[in-house]
Amino acid sequence: MKTKVLYRVENQNPDRREEVGRWFTDNFSELRWYFEHKYPLGRIMYLELPVDIAEYYRVSNFKKNGSYKIHKNPAAYSCHPKKEYFLPKKIATKAEVYISEGGIAEELLSFGADGFLFL
């Protein structure tokens, strides 16, 4: 079975909004923006899913439906619908802290940002 690894940056401060913690990307380099603009002290989370399940939750596969609630209409709020995934909480909460065996800090620091917290 083919799988796809998805990533997200997690804010260290708890946030209970329905949509928080459910946005992922399959492009590791997309995480840079979140560190620079949203969560400079965040941590990288990852989740490996079967390709068919990941593709089901790709934002570009959602239809805009007129709801003003992000969790009910993620396609209307996505800046990169072909690169983003919006997962149900029961799947998203299975994400784990990303651990690299060879230089994730160096890779991210090469972006020129400071203050990353890796647990």
PDB file of N, CA and C in Angstrom:
ATOM      1  N   MET A   1       0.844  -1.179   0.000  1.00  0.00           N
ATOM      2  CA  MET A   1       0.000   0.000   0.000  1.00  0.00           C
ATOM      3  C   MET A   1       0.890   1.244   0.000  1.00  0.00           C
ATOM      4  N   LYS A   2       0.623   2.142  -0.931  1.00  0.00           N
ATOM      5  CA  LYS A   2       1.368   3.400  -0.993  1.00  0.00           C
ATOM      6  C   LYS A   2       0.841   4.353   0.060  1.00  0.00           C
ATOM      7  N   THR A   3       1.782   5.096   0.654  1.00  0.00           N
ATOM      8  CA  THR A   3       1.393   6.067   1.679  1.00  0.00           C
ATOM      9  C   THR A   3       1.923   7.448   1.315  1.00  0.00           C
ATOM     10  N   LYS A   4       1.363   8.440   1.978  1.00  0.00           N
ATOM     11  CA  LYS A   4       1.772   9.831   1.794  1.00  0.00           C
ATOM     12  C   LYS A   4       2.002  10.418   3.182  1.00  0.00           C
ATOM     13  N   VAL A   5       3.116  11.133   3.327  1.00  0.00           N
ATOM     14  CA  VAL A   5       3.411  11.785   4.598  1.00  0.00           C
ATOM     15  C   VAL A   5       2.927  13.233   4.522  1.00  0.00           C
ATOM     16  N   LEU A   6       2.162  13.627   5.523  1.00  0.00           N
ATOM     17  CA  LEU A   6       1.640  14.987   5.618  1.00  0.00           C
ATOM     18  C   LEU A   6       2.262  15.661   6.834  1.00  0.00           C
ATOM     19  N   TYR A   7       2.453  16.989   6.735  1.00  0.00           N
ATOM     20  CA  TYR A   7       3.091  17.751   7.800  1.00  0.00           C
ATOM     21  C   TYR A   7       2.235  18.958   8.168  1.00  0.00           C
ATOM     22  N   ARG A   8       2.450  19.436   9.379  1.00  0.00           N
ATOM     23  CA  ARG A   8       1.859  20.704   9.798  1.00  0.00           C
ATOM     24  C   ARG A   8       2.730  21.296  10.898  1.00  0.00           C
ATOM     25  N   VAL A   9       2.578  22.581  11.125  1.00  0.00           N
ATOM     26  CA  VAL A   9       3.243  23.248  12.242  1.00  0.00           C
ATOM     27  C   VAL A   9       2.197  23.419  13.326  1.00  0.00           C
ATOM     28  N   GLU A  10       2.552  22.972  14.504  1.00  0.00           N
ATOM     29  CA  GLU A  10       1.631  23.049  15.640  1.00  0.00           C
ATOM     30  C   GLU A  10       2.028  24.195  16.549  1.00  0.00           C
ATOM     31  N   ASN A  11       1.072  25.007  16.882  1.00  0.00           N
ATOM     32  CA  ASN A  11       1.274  26.093  17.825  1.00  0.00           C
ATOM     33  C   ASN A  11       1.444  25.492  19.214  1.00  0.00           C
ATOM     34  N   GLN A  12       2.343  26.032  20.004  1.00  0.00           N
ATOM     35  CA  GLN A  12       2.561  25.523  21.357  1.00  0.00           C
ATOM     36  C   GLN A  12       1.469  25.979  22.326  1.00  0.00           C
ATOM     37  N   ASN A  13       0.701  27.002  21.949  1.00  0.00           N
ATOM     38  CA  ASN A  13      -0.391  27.474  22.808  1.00  0.00           C
ATOM     39  C   ASN A  13      -1.678  26.771  22.424  1.00  0.00           C
ATOM     40  N   PRO A  14      -2.376  26.223  23.400  1.00  0.00           N
ATOM     41  CA  PRO A  14      -3.620  25.516  23.070  1.00  0.00           C
ATOM     42  C   PRO A  14      -4.648  26.437  22.425  1.00  0.00           C
ATOM     43  N   ASP A  15      -5.335  25.926  21.456  1.00  0.00           N
ATOM     44  CA  ASP A  15      -6.377  26.666  20.762  1.00  0.00           C
ATOM     45  C   ASP A  15      -7.496  25.671  20.490  1.00  0.00           C
ATOM     46  N   ARG A  16      -8.666  25.984  20.904  1.00  0.00           N
ATOM     47  CA  ARG A  16      -9.758  25.013  20.837  1.00  0.00           C
ATOM     48  C   ARG A  16     -10.702  25.208  19.649  1.00  0.00           C
ATOM     49  N   ARG A  17     -10.347  26.122  18.731  1.00  0.00           N
ATOM     50  CA  ARG A  17     -11.212  26.295  17.565  1.00  0.00           C
ATOM     51  C   ARG A  17     -11.290  24.982  16.782  1.00  0.00           C
ATOM     52  N   GLU A  18     -12.415  24.736  16.194  1.00  0.00           N
ATOM     53  CA  GLU A  18     -12.701  23.475  15.503  1.00  0.00           C
ATOM     54  C   GLU A  18     -11.698  23.131  14.405  1.00  0.00           C
ATOM     55  N   GLU A  19     -11.191  24.138  13.719  1.00  0.00           N
ATOM     56  CA  GLU A  19     -10.320  23.875  12.567  1.00  0.00           C
ATOM     57  C   GLU A  19      -8.840  23.732  12.931  1.00  0.00           C
ATOM     58  N   VAL A  20      -8.457  24.113  14.118  1.00  0.00           N
ATOM     59  CA  VAL A  20      -7.043  24.106  14.507  1.00  0.00           C
ATOM     60  C   VAL A  20      -6.499  22.672  14.589  1.00  0.00           C
ATOM     61  N   GLY A  21      -5.311  22.493  14.033  1.00  0.00           N
ATOM     62  CA  GLY A  21      -4.656  21.187  14.070  1.00  0.00           C
ATOM     63  C   GLY A  21      -5.096  20.234  12.979  1.00  0.00           C
ATOM     64  N   ARG A  22      -5.900  20.714  12.058  1.00  0.00           N
ATOM     65  CA  ARG A  22      -6.442  19.842  11.009  1.00  0.00           C
ATOM     66  C   ARG A  22      -5.885  20.145   9.628  1.00  0.00           C
ATOM     67  N   TRP A  23      -5.134  21.231   9.466  1.00  0.00           N
ATOM     68  CA  TRP A  23      -4.547  21.611   8.182  1.00  0.00           C
ATOM     69  C   TRP A  23      -3.170  20.968   8.048  1.00  0.00           C
ATOM     70  N   PHE A  24      -2.920  20.305   6.938  1.00  0.00           N
ATOM     71  CA  PHE A  24      -1.646  19.642   6.661  1.00  0.00           C
ATOM     72  C   PHE A  24      -1.204  19.964   5.246  1.00  0.00           C
ATOM     73  N   THR A  25       0.059  19.692   4.963  1.00  0.00           N
ATOM     74  CA  THR A  25       0.596  19.797   3.611  1.00  0.00           C
ATOM     75  C   THR A  25       1.477  18.584   3.344  1.00  0.00           C
ATOM     76  N   ASP A  26       1.651  18.259   2.079  1.00  0.00           N
ATOM     77  CA  ASP A  26       2.582  17.175   1.735  1.00  0.00           C
ATOM     78  C   ASP A  26       3.919  17.744   1.271  1.00  0.00           C
ATOM     79  N   ASN A  27       4.037  19.073   1.300  1.00  0.00           N
ATOM     80  CA  ASN A  27       5.244  19.754   0.848  1.00  0.00           C
ATOM     81  C   ASN A  27       5.959  20.356   2.057  1.00  0.00           C
ATOM     82  N   PHE A  28       7.039  19.714   2.464  1.00  0.00           N
ATOM     83  CA  PHE A  28       7.764  20.128   3.663  1.00  0.00           C
ATOM     84  C   PHE A  28       8.182  21.598   3.606  1.00  0.00           C
ATOM     85  N   SER A  29       8.554  22.080   2.444  1.00  0.00           N
ATOM     86  CA  SER A  29       9.018  23.463   2.334  1.00  0.00           C
ATOM     87  C   SER A  29       7.904  24.475   2.594  1.00  0.00           C
ATOM     88  N   GLU A  30       6.658  24.071   2.490  1.00  0.00           N
ATOM     89  CA  GLU A  30       5.533  24.966   2.785  1.00  0.00           C
ATOM     90  C   GLU A  30       5.502  25.368   4.264  1.00  0.00           C
ATOM     91  N   LEU A  31       6.161  24.596   5.120  1.00  0.00           N
ATOM     92  CA  LEU A  31       6.145  24.873   6.553  1.00  0.00           C
ATOM     93  C   LEU A  31       6.866  26.172   6.899  1.00  0.00           C
ATOM     94  N   ARG A  32       7.753  26.582   6.038  1.00  0.00           N
ATOM     95  CA  ARG A  32       8.531  27.793   6.297  1.00  0.00           C
ATOM     96  C   ARG A  32       7.633  28.986   6.593  1.00  0.00           C
ATOM     97  N   TRP A  33       6.610  29.178   5.788  1.00  0.00           N
ATOM     98  CA  TRP A  33       5.715  30.325   5.967  1.00  0.00           C
ATOM     99  C   TRP A  33       5.090  30.322   7.357  1.00  0.00           C
ATOM    100  N   TYR A  34       4.695  29.167   7.843  1.00  0.00           N
ATOM    101  CA  TYR A  34       4.039  29.086   9.152  1.00  0.00           C
ATOM    102  C   TYR A  34       4.996  29.463  10.281  1.00  0.00           C
ATOM    103  N   PHE A  35       6.266  29.069  10.147  1.00  0.00           N
ATOM    104  CA  PHE A  35       7.245  29.471  11.144  1.00  0.00           C
ATOM    105  C   PHE A  35       7.505  30.974  11.100  1.00  0.00           C
ATOM    106  N   GLU A  36       7.584  31.520   9.911  1.00  0.00           N
ATOM    107  CA  GLU A  36       7.911  32.942   9.773  1.00  0.00           C
ATOM    108  C   GLU A  36       6.753  33.863  10.126  1.00  0.00           C
ATOM    109  N   HIS A  37       5.514  33.426   9.879  1.00  0.00           N
ATOM    110  CA  HIS A  37       4.366  34.325  10.021  1.00  0.00           C
ATOM    111  C   HIS A  37       3.372  33.963  11.116  1.00  0.00           C
ATOM    112  N   LYS A  38       3.344  32.731  11.536  1.00  0.00           N
ATOM    113  CA  LYS A  38       2.305  32.317  12.475  1.00  0.00           C
ATOM    114  C   LYS A  38       2.847  31.760  13.790  1.00  0.00           C
ATOM    115  N   TYR A  39       3.716  30.781  13.701  1.00  0.00           N
ATOM    116  CA  TYR A  39       4.129  30.026  14.887  1.00  0.00           C
ATOM    117  C   TYR A  39       5.651  29.919  14.980  1.00  0.00           C
ATOM    118  N   PRO A  40       6.344  30.999  15.301  1.00  0.00           N
ATOM    119  CA  PRO A  40       7.804  30.933  15.340  1.00  0.00           C
ATOM    120  C   PRO A  40       8.336  29.950  16.382  1.00  0.00           C
ATOM    121  N   LEU A  41       7.535  29.613  17.361  1.00  0.00           N
ATOM    122  CA  LEU A  41       7.955  28.626  18.360  1.00  0.00           C
ATOM    123  C   LEU A  41       7.167  27.326  18.212  1.00  0.00           C
ATOM    124  N   GLY A  42       6.638  27.103  17.038  1.00  0.00           N
ATOM    125  CA  GLY A  42       5.867  25.893  16.800  1.00  0.00           C
ATOM    126  C   GLY A  42       6.750  24.670  16.659  1.00  0.00           C
ATOM    127  N   ARG A  43       6.114  23.549  16.480  1.00  0.00           N
ATOM    128  CA  ARG A  43       6.846  22.308  16.224  1.00  0.00           C
ATOM    129  C   ARG A  43       6.213  21.611  15.033  1.00  0.00           C
ATOM    130  N   ILE A  44       7.007  20.818  14.351  1.00  0.00           N
ATOM    131  CA  ILE A  44       6.527  20.119  13.168  1.00  0.00           C
ATOM    132  C   ILE A  44       5.905  18.794  13.573  1.00  0.00           C
ATOM    133  N   MET A  45       4.722  18.571  13.060  1.00  0.00           N
ATOM    134  CA  MET A  45       4.013  17.316  13.286  1.00  0.00           C
ATOM    135  C   MET A  45       3.915  16.595  11.944  1.00  0.00           C
ATOM    136  N   TYR A  46       3.804  15.279  11.987  1.00  0.00           N
ATOM    137  CA  TYR A  46       3.643  14.527  10.742  1.00  0.00           C
ATOM    138  C   TYR A  46       2.646  13.391  10.941  1.00  0.00           C
ATOM    139  N   LEU A  47       2.156  12.912   9.825  1.00  0.00           N
ATOM    140  CA  LEU A  47       1.183  11.838   9.806  1.00  0.00           C
ATOM    141  C   LEU A  47       1.339  11.106   8.484  1.00  0.00           C
ATOM    142  N   GLU A  48       1.381   9.803   8.528  1.00  0.00           N
ATOM    143  CA  GLU A  48       1.480   9.004   7.304  1.00  0.00           C
ATOM    144  C   GLU A  48       0.140   8.322   7.072  1.00  0.00           C
ATOM    145  N   LEU A  49      -0.409   8.546   5.885  1.00  0.00           N
ATOM    146  CA  LEU A  49      -1.726   8.008   5.536  1.00  0.00           C
ATOM    147  C   LEU A  49      -1.653   7.255   4.214  1.00  0.00           C
ATOM    148  N   PRO A  50      -2.553   6.296   4.012  1.00  0.00           N
ATOM    149  CA  PRO A  50      -2.667   5.706   2.674  1.00  0.00           C
ATOM    150  C   PRO A  50      -2.993   6.815   1.671  1.00  0.00           C
ATOM    151  N   VAL A  51      -2.438   6.714   0.479  1.00  0.00           N
ATOM    152  CA  VAL A  51      -2.601   7.756  -0.539  1.00  0.00           C
ATOM    153  C   VAL A  51      -4.072   8.053  -0.816  1.00  0.00           C
ATOM    154  N   ASP A  52      -4.897   7.030  -0.919  1.00  0.00           N
ATOM    155  CA  ASP A  52      -6.309   7.271  -1.247  1.00  0.00           C
ATOM    156  C   ASP A  52      -7.030   8.061  -0.157  1.00  0.00           C
ATOM    157  N   ILE A  53      -6.682   7.818   1.090  1.00  0.00           N
ATOM    158  CA  ILE A  53      -7.304   8.579   2.181  1.00  0.00           C
ATOM    159  C   ILE A  53      -6.803  10.021   2.165  1.00  0.00           C
ATOM    160  N   ALA A  54      -5.496  10.204   2.001  1.00  0.00           N
ATOM    161  CA  ALA A  54      -4.941  11.561   1.935  1.00  0.00           C
ATOM    162  C   ALA A  54      -5.593  12.345   0.801  1.00  0.00           C
ATOM    163  N   GLU A  55      -5.690  11.737  -0.360  1.00  0.00           N
ATOM    164  CA  GLU A  55      -6.270  12.428  -1.507  1.00  0.00           C
ATOM    165  C   GLU A  55      -7.735  12.794  -1.282  1.00  0.00           C
ATOM    166  N   TYR A  56      -8.453  11.978  -0.569  1.00  0.00           N
ATOM    167  CA  TYR A  56      -9.855  12.272  -0.260  1.00  0.00           C
ATOM    168  C   TYR A  56      -9.970  13.601   0.497  1.00  0.00           C
ATOM    169  N   TYR A  57      -8.981  13.880   1.350  1.00  0.00           N
ATOM    170  CA  TYR A  57      -9.019  15.088   2.176  1.00  0.00           C
ATOM    171  C   TYR A  57      -8.188  16.239   1.613  1.00  0.00           C
ATOM    172  N   ARG A  58      -7.682  16.108   0.394  1.00  0.00           N
ATOM    173  CA  ARG A  58      -6.989  17.234  -0.251  1.00  0.00           C
ATOM    174  C   ARG A  58      -8.021  18.339  -0.440  1.00  0.00           C
ATOM    175  N   VAL A  59      -7.657  19.554  -0.064  1.00  0.00           N
ATOM    176  CA  VAL A  59      -8.620  20.661  -0.076  1.00  0.00           C
ATOM    177  C   VAL A  59      -9.184  20.913  -1.467  1.00  0.00           C
ATOM    178  N   SER A  60      -8.393  20.722  -2.508  1.00  0.00           N
ATOM    179  CA  SER A  60      -8.907  20.954  -3.867  1.00  0.00           C
ATOM    180  C   SER A  60     -10.015  19.969  -4.240  1.00  0.00           C
ATOM    181  N   ASN A  61     -10.177  18.914  -3.476  1.00  0.00           N
ATOM    182  CA  ASN A  61     -11.258  17.966  -3.721  1.00  0.00           C
ATOM    183  C   ASN A  61     -12.551  18.337  -2.991  1.00  0.00           C
ATOM    184  N   PHE A  62     -12.490  19.338  -2.108  1.00  0.00           N
ATOM    185  CA  PHE A  62     -13.687  19.823  -1.418  1.00  0.00           C
ATOM    186  C   PHE A  62     -14.387  20.839  -2.319  1.00  0.00           C
ATOM    187  N   LYS A  63     -15.682  20.922  -2.214  1.00  0.00           N
ATOM    188  CA  LYS A  63     -16.425  21.947  -2.942  1.00  0.00           C
ATOM    189  C   LYS A  63     -16.766  23.076  -1.977  1.00  0.00           C
ATOM    190  N   LYS A  64     -16.649  24.305  -2.475  1.00  0.00           N
ATOM    191  CA  LYS A  64     -17.063  25.441  -1.660  1.00  0.00           C
ATOM    192  C   LYS A  64     -18.570  25.351  -1.473  1.00  0.00           C
ATOM    193  N   ASN A  65     -19.032  25.604  -0.245  1.00  0.00           N
ATOM    194  CA  ASN A  65     -20.458  25.399   0.015  1.00  0.00           C
ATOM    195  C   ASN A  65     -21.166  26.587   0.639  1.00  0.00           C
ATOM    196  N   GLY A  66     -20.499  27.719   0.790  1.00  0.00           N
ATOM    197  CA  GLY A  66     -21.165  28.909   1.309  1.00  0.00           C
ATOM    198  C   GLY A  66     -21.128  29.059   2.816  1.00  0.00           C
ATOM    199  N   SER A  67     -20.668  28.064   3.553  1.00  0.00           N
ATOM    200  CA  SER A  67     -20.605  28.179   5.004  1.00  0.00           C
ATOM    201  C   SER A  67     -19.500  29.151   5.397  1.00  0.00           C
ATOM    202  N   TYR A  68     -19.738  29.889   6.479  1.00  0.00           N
ATOM    203  CA  TYR A  68     -18.721  30.799   6.995  1.00  0.00           C
ATOM    204  C   TYR A  68     -17.829  30.116   8.031  1.00  0.00           C
ATOM    205  N   LYS A  69     -18.096  28.868   8.336  1.00  0.00           N
ATOM    206  CA  LYS A  69     -17.284  28.132   9.306  1.00  0.00           C
ATOM    207  C   LYS A  69     -16.201  27.369   8.562  1.00  0.00           C
ATOM    208  N   ILE A  70     -14.963  27.610   8.960  1.00  0.00           N
ATOM    209  CA  ILE A  70     -13.830  27.014   8.244  1.00  0.00           C
ATOM    210  C   ILE A  70     -13.941  25.499   8.199  1.00  0.00           C
ATOM    211  N   HIS A  71     -14.280  24.875   9.329  1.00  0.00           N
ATOM    212  CA  HIS A  71     -14.308  23.412   9.360  1.00  0.00           C
ATOM    213  C   HIS A  71     -15.422  22.818   8.501  1.00  0.00           C
ATOM    214  N   LYS A  72     -16.378  23.633   8.088  1.00  0.00           N
ATOM    215  CA  LYS A  72     -17.446  23.143   7.209  1.00  0.00           C
ATOM    216  C   LYS A  72     -17.213  23.516   5.751  1.00  0.00           C
ATOM    217  N   ASN A  73     -16.233  24.399   5.503  1.00  0.00           N
ATOM    218  CA  ASN A  73     -15.990  24.885   4.150  1.00  0.00           C
ATOM    219  C   ASN A  73     -14.505  25.202   3.955  1.00  0.00           C
ATOM    220  N   PRO A  74     -13.617  24.223   4.135  1.00  0.00           N
ATOM    221  CA  PRO A  74     -12.181  24.516   4.051  1.00  0.00           C
ATOM    222  C   PRO A  74     -11.726  25.030   2.688  1.00  0.00           C
ATOM    223  N   ALA A  75     -12.389  24.643   1.629  1.00  0.00           N
ATOM    224  CA  ALA A  75     -11.982  25.077   0.291  1.00  0.00           C
ATOM    225  C   ALA A  75     -12.067  26.595   0.139  1.00  0.00           C
ATOM    226  N   ALA A  76     -12.977  27.215   0.844  1.00  0.00           N
ATOM    227  CA  ALA A  76     -13.140  28.667   0.747  1.00  0.00           C
ATOM    228  C   ALA A  76     -12.050  29.423   1.501  1.00  0.00           C
ATOM    229  N   TYR A  77     -11.332  28.760   2.387  1.00  0.00           N
ATOM    230  CA  TYR A  77     -10.338  29.424   3.223  1.00  0.00           C
ATOM    231  C   TYR A  77      -8.901  29.045   2.882  1.00  0.00           C
ATOM    232  N   SER A  78      -8.707  28.161   1.949  1.00  0.00           N
ATOM    233  CA  SER A  78      -7.375  27.684   1.606  1.00  0.00           C
ATOM    234  C   SER A  78      -6.692  28.612   0.600  1.00  0.00           C
ATOM    235  N   CYS A  79      -5.421  28.882   0.844  1.00  0.00           N
ATOM    236  CA  CYS A  79      -4.620  29.654  -0.117  1.00  0.00           C
ATOM    237  C   CYS A  79      -3.961  28.739  -1.148  1.00  0.00           C
ATOM    238  N   HIS A  80      -3.792  27.472  -0.788  1.00  0.00           N
ATOM    239  CA  HIS A  80      -3.127  26.496  -1.655  1.00  0.00           C
ATOM    240  C   HIS A  80      -3.913  25.181  -1.650  1.00  0.00           C
ATOM    241  N   PRO A  81      -5.110  25.163  -2.228  1.00  0.00           N
ATOM    242  CA  PRO A  81      -5.948  23.968  -2.131  1.00  0.00           C
ATOM    243  C   PRO A  81      -5.336  22.704  -2.717  1.00  0.00           C
ATOM    244  N   LYS A  82      -4.418  22.831  -3.670  1.00  0.00           N
ATOM    245  CA  LYS A  82      -3.798  21.633  -4.241  1.00  0.00           C
ATOM    246  C   LYS A  82      -2.664  21.108  -3.368  1.00  0.00           C
ATOM    247  N   LYS A  83      -2.190  21.931  -2.427  1.00  0.00           N
ATOM    248  CA  LYS A  83      -1.091  21.530  -1.550  1.00  0.00           C
ATOM    249  C   LYS A  83      -1.538  21.269  -0.121  1.00  0.00           C
ATOM    250  N   GLU A  84      -2.781  21.597   0.198  1.00  0.00           N
ATOM    251  CA  GLU A  84      -3.262  21.487   1.573  1.00  0.00           C
ATOM    252  C   GLU A  84      -4.273  20.355   1.728  1.00  0.00           C
ATOM    253  N   TYR A  85      -4.302  19.832   2.941  1.00  0.00           N
ATOM    254  CA  TYR A  85      -5.223  18.759   3.319  1.00  0.00           C
ATOM    255  C   TYR A  85      -5.933  19.204   4.585  1.00  0.00           C
ATOM    256  N   PHE A  86      -7.225  18.942   4.650  1.00  0.00           N
ATOM    257  CA  PHE A  86      -8.001  19.279   5.843  1.00  0.00           C
ATOM    258  C   PHE A  86      -8.591  17.977   6.376  1.00  0.00           C
ATOM    259  N   LEU A  87      -8.011  17.487   7.456  1.00  0.00           N
ATOM    260  CA  LEU A  87      -8.356  16.167   7.976  1.00  0.00           C
ATOM    261  C   LEU A  87      -9.390  16.240   9.095  1.00  0.00           C
ATOM    262  N   PRO A  88     -10.182  15.190   9.238  1.00  0.00           N
ATOM    263  CA  PRO A  88     -11.078  15.123  10.391  1.00  0.00           C
ATOM    264  C   PRO A  88     -10.249  15.031  11.677  1.00  0.00           C
ATOM    265  N   LYS A  89     -10.794  15.520  12.760  1.00  0.00           N
ATOM    266  CA  LYS A  89     -10.063  15.497  14.027  1.00  0.00           C
ATOM    267  C   LYS A  89      -9.596  14.096  14.401  1.00  0.00           C
ATOM    268  N   LYS A  90     -10.434  13.094  14.163  1.00  0.00           N
ATOM    269  CA  LYS A  90     -10.067  11.737  14.583  1.00  0.00           C
ATOM    270  C   LYS A  90      -8.814  11.229  13.869  1.00  0.00           C
ATOM    271  N   ILE A  91      -8.514  11.765  12.697  1.00  0.00           N
ATOM    272  CA  ILE A  91      -7.281  11.414  11.990  1.00  0.00           C
ATOM    273  C   ILE A  91      -6.167  12.390  12.369  1.00  0.00           C
ATOM    274  N   ALA A  92      -6.460  13.674  12.366  1.00  0.00           N
ATOM    275  CA  ALA A  92      -5.450  14.710  12.619  1.00  0.00           C
ATOM    276  C   ALA A  92      -4.805  14.561  13.991  1.00  0.00           C
ATOM    277  N   THR A  93      -5.556  14.126  14.967  1.00  0.00           N
ATOM    278  CA  THR A  93      -5.006  14.009  16.323  1.00  0.00           C
ATOM    279  C   THR A  93      -4.013  12.857  16.459  1.00  0.00           C
ATOM    280  N   LYS A  94      -3.867  12.057  15.431  1.00  0.00           N
ATOM    281  CA  LYS A  94      -2.882  10.970  15.460  1.00  0.00           C
ATOM    282  C   LYS A  94      -1.505  11.433  14.992  1.00  0.00           C
ATOM    283  N   ALA A  95      -1.388  12.701  14.607  1.00  0.00           N
ATOM    284  CA  ALA A  95      -0.091  13.236  14.170  1.00  0.00           C
ATOM    285  C   ALA A  95       0.907  13.164  15.313  1.00  0.00           C
ATOM    286  N   GLU A  96       2.153  12.921  14.946  1.00  0.00           N
ATOM    287  CA  GLU A  96       3.226  12.811  15.933  1.00  0.00           C
ATOM    288  C   GLU A  96       4.276  13.881  15.668  1.00  0.00           C
ATOM    289  N   VAL A  97       5.081  14.159  16.689  1.00  0.00           N
ATOM    290  CA  VAL A  97       6.182  15.106  16.531  1.00  0.00           C
ATOM    291  C   VAL A  97       7.162  14.525  15.534  1.00  0.00           C
ATOM    292  N   TYR A  98       7.578  15.340  14.587  1.00  0.00           N
ATOM    293  CA  TYR A  98       8.509  14.900  13.554  1.00  0.00           C
ATOM    294  C   TYR A  98       9.920  14.830  14.114  1.00  0.00           C
ATOM    295  N   ILE A  99      10.567  13.709  13.926  1.00  0.00           N
ATOM    296  CA  ILE A  99      11.944  13.529  14.374  1.00  0.00           C
ATOM    297  C   ILE A  99      12.759  13.113  13.168  1.00  0.00           C
ATOM    298  N   SER A 100      13.810  13.844  12.921  1.00  0.00           N
ATOM    299  CA  SER A 100      14.655  13.551  11.780  1.00  0.00           C
ATOM    300  C   SER A 100      15.955  12.933  12.260  1.00  0.00           C
ATOM    301  N   GLU A 101      16.440  11.980  11.516  1.00  0.00           N
ATOM    302  CA  GLU A 101      17.703  11.351  11.866  1.00  0.00           C
ATOM    303  C   GLU A 101      18.871  12.042  11.200  1.00  0.00           C
ATOM    304  N   GLY A 102      18.685  13.241  10.745  1.00  0.00           N
ATOM    305  CA  GLY A 102      19.810  13.881  10.070  1.00  0.00           C
ATOM    306  C   GLY A 102      19.596  15.316   9.698  1.00  0.00           C
ATOM    307  N   GLY A 103      19.350  16.170  10.643  1.00  0.00           N
ATOM    308  CA  GLY A 103      19.482  17.584  10.374  1.00  0.00           C
ATOM    309  C   GLY A 103      18.238  18.362  10.041  1.00  0.00           C
ATOM    310  N   ILE A 104      17.114  18.047  10.647  1.00  0.00           N
ATOM    311  CA  ILE A 104      15.928  18.857  10.363  1.00  0.00           C
ATOM    312  C   ILE A 104      16.151  20.300  10.801  1.00  0.00           C
ATOM    313  N   ALA A 105      16.816  20.505  11.936  1.00  0.00           N
ATOM    314  CA  ALA A 105      17.060  21.873  12.398  1.00  0.00           C
ATOM    315  C   ALA A 105      17.918  22.625  11.385  1.00  0.00           C
ATOM    316  N   GLU A 106      18.935  21.973  10.868  1.00  0.00           N
ATOM    317  CA  GLU A 106      19.794  22.617   9.877  1.00  0.00           C
ATOM    318  C   GLU A 106      19.011  22.949   8.622  1.00  0.00           C
ATOM    319  N   GLU A 107      18.152  22.041   8.206  1.00  0.00           N
ATOM    320  CA  GLU A 107      17.342  22.266   7.004  1.00  0.00           C
ATOM    321  C   GLU A 107      16.437  23.472   7.188  1.00  0.00           C
ATOM    322  N   LEU A 108      15.776  23.566   8.335  1.00  0.00           N
ATOM    323  CA  LEU A 108      14.870  24.674   8.572  1.00  0.00           C
ATOM    324  C   LEU A 108      15.618  25.973   8.811  1.00  0.00           C
ATOM    325  N   LEU A 109      16.726  25.905   9.511  1.00  0.00           N
ATOM    326  CA  LEU A 109      17.491  27.118   9.760  1.00  0.00           C
ATOM    327  C   LEU A 109      18.069  27.682   8.474  1.00  0.00           C
ATOM    328  N   SER A 110      18.219  26.849   7.474  1.00  0.00           N
ATOM    329  CA  SER A 110      18.710  27.349   6.195  1.00  0.00           C
ATOM    330  C   SER A 110      17.703  28.304   5.558  1.00  0.00           C
ATOM    331  N   PHE A 111      16.470  28.310   6.069  1.00  0.00           N
ATOM    332  CA  PHE A 111      15.458  29.258   5.595  1.00  0.00           C
ATOM    333  C   PHE A 111      15.743  30.656   6.133  1.00  0.00           C
ATOM    334  N   GLY A 112      16.624  30.766   7.146  1.00  0.00           N
ATOM    335  CA  GLY A 112      16.968  32.058   7.695  1.00  0.00           C
ATOM    336  C   GLY A 112      16.105  32.478   8.859  1.00  0.00           C
ATOM    337  N   ALA A 113      15.363  31.583   9.462  1.00  0.00           N
ATOM    338  CA  ALA A 113      14.503  31.924  10.585  1.00  0.00           C
ATOM    339  C   ALA A 113      15.140  31.427  11.887  1.00  0.00           C
ATOM    340  N   ASP A 114      14.792  32.059  12.985  1.00  0.00           N
ATOM    341  CA  ASP A 114      15.297  31.675  14.310  1.00  0.00           C
ATOM    342  C   ASP A 114      14.130  31.211  15.175  1.00  0.00           C
ATOM    343  N   GLY A 115      14.465  30.684  16.337  1.00  0.00           N
ATOM    344  CA  GLY A 115      13.466  30.460  17.376  1.00  0.00           C
ATOM    345  C   GLY A 115      12.647  29.206  17.237  1.00  0.00           C
ATOM    346  N   PHE A 116      13.093  28.212  16.498  1.00  0.00           N
ATOM    347  CA  PHE A 116      12.304  26.990  16.367  1.00  0.00           C
ATOM    348  C   PHE A 116      12.424  26.153  17.623  1.00  0.00           C
ATOM    349  N   LEU A 117      11.361  25.515  18.003  1.00  0.00           N
ATOM    350  CA  LEU A 117      11.358  24.623  19.138  1.00  0.00           C
ATOM    351  C   LEU A 117      11.057  23.231  18.643  1.00  0.00           C
ATOM    352  N   PHE A 118      11.990  22.345  18.763  1.00  0.00           N
ATOM    353  CA  PHE A 118      11.804  20.967  18.326  1.00  0.00           C
ATOM    354  C   PHE A 118      11.791  20.072  19.544  1.00  0.00           C
ATOM    355  N   LEU A 119      10.717  19.378  19.757  1.00  0.00           N
ATOM    356  CA  LEU A 119      10.598  18.486  20.910  1.00  0.00           C
ATOM    357  C   LEU A 119      10.784  17.044  20.488  1.00  0.00           C
TER     358      LEU A 119
END
